[in-house]
């Protein structure tokens, strides 16, 4: 459970809008897209990483009061390790599952060539 930033009532963390005051809590009506809001008079852009490194392409920049991509410049950026070993057992299983259609087609072509010989 979380609190509504406007009316401070307790609400479900997956709620798209506040049932008490109607404030939109999630972007585009999707519970998985958080909507960050400025709390004071200062816009979000002044404390955003994307504004600081000039990679933001949000139309309301530099005066945005709410944003879906906001990343606080004072918080460390979490880097995910995407370098997985594809030759591990799990990597091979994932690759086979992902390319099952091509493997079946390749098997049919090889089977057809063996029959034709």
N, C-alpha and C. Protein backbone atom coordinates (compact mmCIF):
# COMPACT_ATOMS: atom_id res chain seq x y z
N UNK A 1 0.84 -1.18 0.00
CA UNK A 1 0.00 0.00 0.00
C UNK A 1 0.89 1.24 0.00
N UNK A 2 0.47 2.24 -0.76
CA UNK A 2 1.18 3.51 -0.79
C UNK A 2 0.18 4.64 -0.56
N UNK A 3 0.69 5.83 -0.51
CA UNK A 3 -0.16 6.99 -0.26
C UNK A 3 -0.26 7.85 -1.51
N UNK A 4 -1.41 8.46 -1.71
CA UNK A 4 -1.63 9.39 -2.81
C UNK A 4 -0.86 10.68 -2.52
N UNK A 5 -0.10 11.20 -3.49
CA UNK A 5 0.66 12.43 -3.23
C UNK A 5 -0.23 13.66 -3.04
N UNK A 6 -1.45 13.63 -3.53
CA UNK A 6 -2.33 14.79 -3.39
C UNK A 6 -3.17 14.74 -2.12
N UNK A 7 -3.94 13.65 -1.93
CA UNK A 7 -4.87 13.58 -0.79
C UNK A 7 -4.32 12.78 0.39
N UNK A 8 -3.17 12.12 0.21
CA UNK A 8 -2.48 11.36 1.25
C UNK A 8 -3.32 10.22 1.82
N UNK A 9 -4.27 9.70 1.04
CA UNK A 9 -5.05 8.54 1.44
C UNK A 9 -4.28 7.28 1.05
N UNK A 10 -4.49 6.21 1.76
CA UNK A 10 -3.86 4.94 1.46
C UNK A 10 -4.51 4.34 0.22
N UNK A 11 -3.67 3.93 -0.75
CA UNK A 11 -4.16 3.36 -2.01
C UNK A 11 -3.35 2.12 -2.36
N UNK A 12 -3.88 1.33 -3.28
CA UNK A 12 -3.20 0.15 -3.79
C UNK A 12 -2.00 0.61 -4.61
N UNK A 13 -0.86 -0.07 -4.48
CA UNK A 13 0.34 0.34 -5.20
C UNK A 13 0.21 0.14 -6.71
N UNK A 14 -0.74 -0.69 -7.16
CA UNK A 14 -0.96 -0.92 -8.59
C UNK A 14 -2.06 -0.04 -9.16
N UNK A 15 -2.65 0.83 -8.35
CA UNK A 15 -3.75 1.68 -8.81
C UNK A 15 -3.26 2.66 -9.86
N UNK A 16 -4.04 2.81 -10.94
CA UNK A 16 -3.70 3.73 -12.02
C UNK A 16 -4.10 5.15 -11.65
N UNK A 17 -5.23 5.30 -10.98
CA UNK A 17 -5.68 6.60 -10.49
C UNK A 17 -6.08 6.46 -9.02
N UNK A 18 -6.03 7.57 -8.31
CA UNK A 18 -6.44 7.56 -6.91
C UNK A 18 -7.96 7.46 -6.85
N UNK A 19 -8.51 6.48 -6.13
CA UNK A 19 -9.97 6.35 -6.05
C UNK A 19 -10.63 7.47 -5.25
N UNK A 20 -9.85 8.21 -4.48
CA UNK A 20 -10.41 9.27 -3.63
C UNK A 20 -10.45 10.62 -4.35
N UNK A 21 -9.32 11.03 -4.97
CA UNK A 21 -9.27 12.36 -5.58
C UNK A 21 -9.15 12.32 -7.10
N UNK A 22 -8.92 11.13 -7.69
CA UNK A 22 -8.86 11.00 -9.14
C UNK A 22 -7.52 11.36 -9.76
N UNK A 23 -6.48 11.57 -8.96
CA UNK A 23 -5.16 11.91 -9.47
C UNK A 23 -4.58 10.74 -10.25
N UNK A 24 -4.04 11.00 -11.45
CA UNK A 24 -3.42 9.96 -12.26
C UNK A 24 -2.08 9.60 -11.62
N UNK A 25 -1.91 8.32 -11.31
CA UNK A 25 -0.71 7.85 -10.61
C UNK A 25 0.25 7.10 -11.51
N UNK A 26 -0.25 6.50 -12.55
CA UNK A 26 0.58 5.72 -13.47
C UNK A 26 0.42 6.29 -14.88
N UNK A 27 1.49 6.26 -15.65
CA UNK A 27 1.48 6.85 -16.98
C UNK A 27 0.73 5.97 -17.97
N UNK A 28 0.01 6.61 -18.86
CA UNK A 28 -0.70 5.96 -19.97
C UNK A 28 -1.66 4.87 -19.51
N UNK A 29 -2.14 4.95 -18.30
CA UNK A 29 -3.11 3.98 -17.79
C UNK A 29 -2.53 2.60 -17.58
N UNK A 30 -1.23 2.48 -17.48
CA UNK A 30 -0.58 1.18 -17.32
C UNK A 30 0.05 1.10 -15.93
N UNK A 31 -0.28 0.07 -15.15
CA UNK A 31 0.24 -0.01 -13.78
C UNK A 31 1.75 -0.21 -13.69
N UNK A 32 2.40 -0.58 -14.78
CA UNK A 32 3.84 -0.82 -14.75
C UNK A 32 4.68 0.39 -15.10
N UNK A 33 4.06 1.51 -15.49
CA UNK A 33 4.81 2.70 -15.87
C UNK A 33 4.61 3.77 -14.80
N UNK A 34 5.60 3.98 -13.95
CA UNK A 34 5.44 4.98 -12.89
C UNK A 34 5.48 6.39 -13.45
N UNK A 35 4.76 7.28 -12.81
CA UNK A 35 4.71 8.68 -13.20
C UNK A 35 5.33 9.49 -12.06
N UNK A 36 6.50 10.04 -12.31
CA UNK A 36 7.21 10.83 -11.30
C UNK A 36 6.67 12.25 -11.33
N UNK A 37 6.45 12.84 -10.16
CA UNK A 37 5.90 14.20 -10.05
C UNK A 37 6.82 15.08 -9.21
N UNK A 38 6.87 16.35 -9.60
CA UNK A 38 7.61 17.34 -8.81
C UNK A 38 6.81 17.65 -7.55
N UNK A 39 7.47 17.73 -6.43
CA UNK A 39 6.76 18.00 -5.17
C UNK A 39 6.77 19.47 -4.81
N UNK A 40 7.83 20.18 -5.11
CA UNK A 40 7.91 21.60 -4.77
C UNK A 40 7.68 22.47 -6.00
N UNK A 41 8.21 23.68 -5.95
CA UNK A 41 8.06 24.61 -7.07
C UNK A 41 9.06 24.33 -8.18
N UNK A 42 10.11 23.59 -7.87
CA UNK A 42 11.16 23.30 -8.85
C UNK A 42 10.73 22.17 -9.78
N UNK A 43 10.94 22.30 -11.10
CA UNK A 43 10.58 21.21 -12.02
C UNK A 43 11.51 20.01 -11.85
N UNK A 44 11.06 18.87 -12.34
CA UNK A 44 11.85 17.64 -12.22
C UNK A 44 13.16 17.73 -12.99
N UNK A 45 13.17 18.47 -14.08
CA UNK A 45 14.33 18.52 -14.97
C UNK A 45 15.60 18.98 -14.26
N UNK A 46 15.48 19.86 -13.29
CA UNK A 46 16.66 20.39 -12.62
C UNK A 46 17.43 19.33 -11.84
N UNK A 47 16.77 18.25 -11.47
CA UNK A 47 17.44 17.19 -10.71
C UNK A 47 17.47 15.86 -11.46
N UNK A 48 17.30 15.91 -12.79
CA UNK A 48 17.23 14.68 -13.59
C UNK A 48 18.55 14.41 -14.30
N UNK A 49 18.95 13.15 -14.33
CA UNK A 49 20.17 12.74 -15.00
C UNK A 49 20.11 13.03 -16.49
N UNK A 50 18.98 12.78 -17.13
CA UNK A 50 18.85 12.96 -18.57
C UNK A 50 18.95 14.43 -18.96
N UNK A 51 18.48 15.33 -18.12
CA UNK A 51 18.60 16.76 -18.38
C UNK A 51 20.06 17.19 -18.22
N UNK A 52 20.74 16.65 -17.22
CA UNK A 52 22.12 17.02 -16.95
C UNK A 52 23.06 16.61 -18.08
N UNK A 53 22.84 15.42 -18.66
CA UNK A 53 23.72 14.99 -19.75
C UNK A 53 23.15 15.31 -21.13
N UNK A 54 22.06 16.07 -21.19
CA UNK A 54 21.45 16.58 -22.42
C UNK A 54 20.96 15.47 -23.36
N UNK A 55 20.48 14.36 -22.79
CA UNK A 55 19.92 13.29 -23.61
C UNK A 55 18.40 13.23 -23.53
N UNK A 56 17.79 14.15 -22.80
CA UNK A 56 16.34 14.16 -22.64
C UNK A 56 15.68 14.71 -23.90
N UNK A 57 14.63 14.03 -24.37
CA UNK A 57 13.87 14.54 -25.52
C UNK A 57 12.39 14.73 -25.17
N UNK A 58 12.12 14.91 -23.89
CA UNK A 58 10.76 15.11 -23.41
C UNK A 58 10.28 16.49 -23.86
N UNK A 59 9.09 16.61 -24.45
CA UNK A 59 8.62 17.90 -24.98
C UNK A 59 8.48 19.00 -23.93
N UNK A 60 8.20 18.66 -22.69
CA UNK A 60 8.01 19.68 -21.66
C UNK A 60 9.33 20.12 -21.02
N UNK A 61 10.43 19.58 -21.47
CA UNK A 61 11.73 19.95 -20.92
C UNK A 61 12.00 21.41 -21.19
N UNK A 62 12.52 22.18 -20.32
CA UNK A 62 13.06 21.96 -18.99
C UNK A 62 12.08 22.30 -17.87
N UNK A 63 10.78 22.36 -18.18
CA UNK A 63 9.79 22.78 -17.18
C UNK A 63 8.83 21.66 -16.80
N UNK A 64 9.23 20.41 -16.97
CA UNK A 64 8.35 19.27 -16.72
C UNK A 64 8.02 19.14 -15.24
N UNK A 65 6.75 19.02 -14.93
CA UNK A 65 6.30 18.81 -13.56
C UNK A 65 6.07 17.32 -13.29
N UNK A 66 5.84 16.54 -14.36
CA UNK A 66 5.72 15.08 -14.23
C UNK A 66 6.41 14.43 -15.43
N UNK A 67 6.95 13.24 -15.20
CA UNK A 67 7.75 12.59 -16.23
C UNK A 67 7.78 11.08 -15.97
N UNK A 68 7.87 10.30 -17.04
CA UNK A 68 7.95 8.84 -16.89
C UNK A 68 9.40 8.36 -16.86
N UNK A 69 10.34 9.14 -17.36
CA UNK A 69 11.73 8.71 -17.46
C UNK A 69 12.64 9.30 -16.40
N UNK A 70 12.08 9.98 -15.43
CA UNK A 70 12.88 10.70 -14.44
C UNK A 70 13.85 9.78 -13.71
N UNK A 71 15.11 10.21 -13.65
CA UNK A 71 16.16 9.50 -12.91
C UNK A 71 16.88 10.55 -12.08
N UNK A 72 16.78 10.45 -10.76
CA UNK A 72 17.37 11.44 -9.87
C UNK A 72 18.89 11.44 -10.01
N UNK A 73 19.45 12.63 -10.21
CA UNK A 73 20.89 12.75 -10.43
C UNK A 73 21.69 12.42 -9.17
N UNK A 74 21.08 12.55 -8.00
CA UNK A 74 21.80 12.27 -6.75
C UNK A 74 21.84 10.78 -6.42
N UNK A 75 21.04 9.97 -7.09
CA UNK A 75 21.05 8.52 -6.86
C UNK A 75 22.00 7.84 -7.84
N UNK A 76 22.73 6.83 -7.40
CA UNK A 76 23.63 6.13 -8.32
C UNK A 76 22.84 5.35 -9.37
N UNK A 77 23.40 5.28 -10.56
CA UNK A 77 22.76 4.54 -11.65
C UNK A 77 23.08 3.06 -11.48
N UNK A 78 22.05 2.24 -11.51
CA UNK A 78 22.21 0.80 -11.36
C UNK A 78 22.48 0.21 -12.74
N UNK A 79 23.62 -0.45 -12.87
CA UNK A 79 23.96 -1.08 -14.14
C UNK A 79 23.70 -2.58 -14.02
N UNK A 80 23.03 -3.10 -15.02
CA UNK A 80 22.72 -4.52 -15.03
C UNK A 80 23.76 -5.25 -15.86
N UNK A 81 24.15 -6.41 -15.39
CA UNK A 81 25.12 -7.22 -16.12
C UNK A 81 24.38 -8.02 -17.18
N UNK A 82 24.49 -7.55 -18.43
CA UNK A 82 23.80 -8.21 -19.52
C UNK A 82 24.71 -9.17 -20.27
N UNK A 83 25.95 -9.29 -19.85
CA UNK A 83 26.89 -10.19 -20.50
C UNK A 83 26.72 -11.58 -19.92
N UNK A 84 25.81 -12.32 -20.49
CA UNK A 84 25.58 -13.68 -20.02
C UNK A 84 26.40 -14.64 -20.87
N UNK A 85 26.83 -15.70 -20.29
CA UNK A 85 27.57 -16.70 -21.02
C UNK A 85 26.59 -17.56 -21.80
N UNK A 86 26.59 -17.41 -23.14
CA UNK A 86 25.62 -18.15 -23.95
C UNK A 86 25.99 -19.62 -24.08
N UNK A 87 27.21 -19.99 -23.71
CA UNK A 87 27.61 -21.38 -23.82
C UNK A 87 27.37 -22.17 -22.55
N UNK A 88 26.75 -21.56 -21.57
CA UNK A 88 26.37 -22.29 -20.37
C UNK A 88 25.12 -23.11 -20.69
N UNK A 89 24.76 -24.00 -19.80
CA UNK A 89 23.60 -24.85 -20.01
C UNK A 89 22.33 -24.01 -20.16
N UNK A 90 22.15 -23.02 -19.30
CA UNK A 90 20.97 -22.17 -19.38
C UNK A 90 20.99 -21.33 -20.65
N UNK A 91 22.18 -20.86 -21.05
CA UNK A 91 22.29 -20.06 -22.26
C UNK A 91 21.90 -20.86 -23.50
N UNK A 92 22.33 -22.11 -23.55
CA UNK A 92 21.99 -22.97 -24.69
C UNK A 92 20.50 -23.27 -24.70
N UNK A 93 19.92 -23.56 -23.53
CA UNK A 93 18.48 -23.82 -23.47
C UNK A 93 17.68 -22.61 -23.92
N UNK A 94 18.11 -21.43 -23.49
CA UNK A 94 17.42 -20.20 -23.88
C UNK A 94 17.53 -19.99 -25.39
N UNK A 95 18.74 -20.22 -25.96
CA UNK A 95 18.93 -20.03 -27.39
C UNK A 95 18.08 -21.02 -28.19
N UNK A 96 18.02 -22.27 -27.77
CA UNK A 96 17.21 -23.28 -28.46
C UNK A 96 15.73 -22.91 -28.40
N UNK A 97 15.26 -22.48 -27.23
CA UNK A 97 13.86 -22.07 -27.08
C UNK A 97 13.54 -20.87 -27.96
N UNK A 98 14.48 -19.96 -28.03
CA UNK A 98 14.27 -18.74 -28.81
C UNK A 98 14.29 -19.00 -30.32
N UNK A 99 15.07 -19.98 -30.76
CA UNK A 99 15.23 -20.26 -32.18
C UNK A 99 14.63 -21.60 -32.60
N UNK A 100 13.61 -22.05 -31.88
CA UNK A 100 13.01 -23.36 -32.14
C UNK A 100 12.47 -23.46 -33.57
N UNK A 101 11.84 -22.41 -34.07
CA UNK A 101 11.27 -22.43 -35.42
C UNK A 101 12.35 -22.69 -36.46
N UNK A 102 13.47 -21.98 -36.34
CA UNK A 102 14.54 -22.15 -37.31
C UNK A 102 15.17 -23.53 -37.19
N UNK A 103 15.27 -24.06 -36.00
CA UNK A 103 15.83 -25.39 -35.82
C UNK A 103 14.94 -26.47 -36.44
N UNK A 104 13.63 -26.30 -36.30
CA UNK A 104 12.69 -27.25 -36.92
C UNK A 104 12.79 -27.18 -38.43
N UNK A 105 12.84 -25.96 -38.98
CA UNK A 105 12.98 -25.81 -40.44
C UNK A 105 14.29 -26.40 -40.94
N UNK A 106 15.38 -26.17 -40.21
CA UNK A 106 16.67 -26.75 -40.58
C UNK A 106 16.61 -28.27 -40.54
N UNK A 107 15.96 -28.81 -39.52
CA UNK A 107 15.80 -30.26 -39.43
C UNK A 107 15.00 -30.82 -40.60
N UNK A 108 13.94 -30.13 -41.01
CA UNK A 108 13.16 -30.57 -42.17
C UNK A 108 13.97 -30.53 -43.45
N UNK A 109 14.79 -29.50 -43.63
CA UNK A 109 15.63 -29.41 -44.83
C UNK A 109 16.65 -30.54 -44.84
N UNK A 110 17.29 -30.80 -43.73
CA UNK A 110 18.27 -31.89 -43.66
C UNK A 110 17.59 -33.24 -43.89
N UNK A 111 16.41 -33.44 -43.31
CA UNK A 111 15.66 -34.68 -43.51
C UNK A 111 15.28 -34.84 -44.98
N UNK A 112 14.87 -33.76 -45.64
CA UNK A 112 14.51 -33.81 -47.06
C UNK A 112 15.72 -34.15 -47.92
N UNK A 113 16.87 -33.57 -47.60
CA UNK A 113 18.08 -33.87 -48.36
C UNK A 113 18.50 -35.33 -48.17
N UNK A 114 18.35 -35.85 -46.98
CA UNK A 114 18.70 -37.26 -46.74
C UNK A 114 17.79 -38.20 -47.50
N UNK A 115 16.51 -37.86 -47.59
CA UNK A 115 15.56 -38.70 -48.33
C UNK A 115 15.85 -38.66 -49.82
N UNK A 116 16.24 -37.48 -50.33
CA UNK A 116 16.47 -37.35 -51.77
C UNK A 116 17.75 -38.04 -52.21
N UNK A 117 18.65 -38.34 -51.32
CA UNK A 117 19.89 -39.04 -51.69
C UNK A 117 19.60 -40.49 -51.76
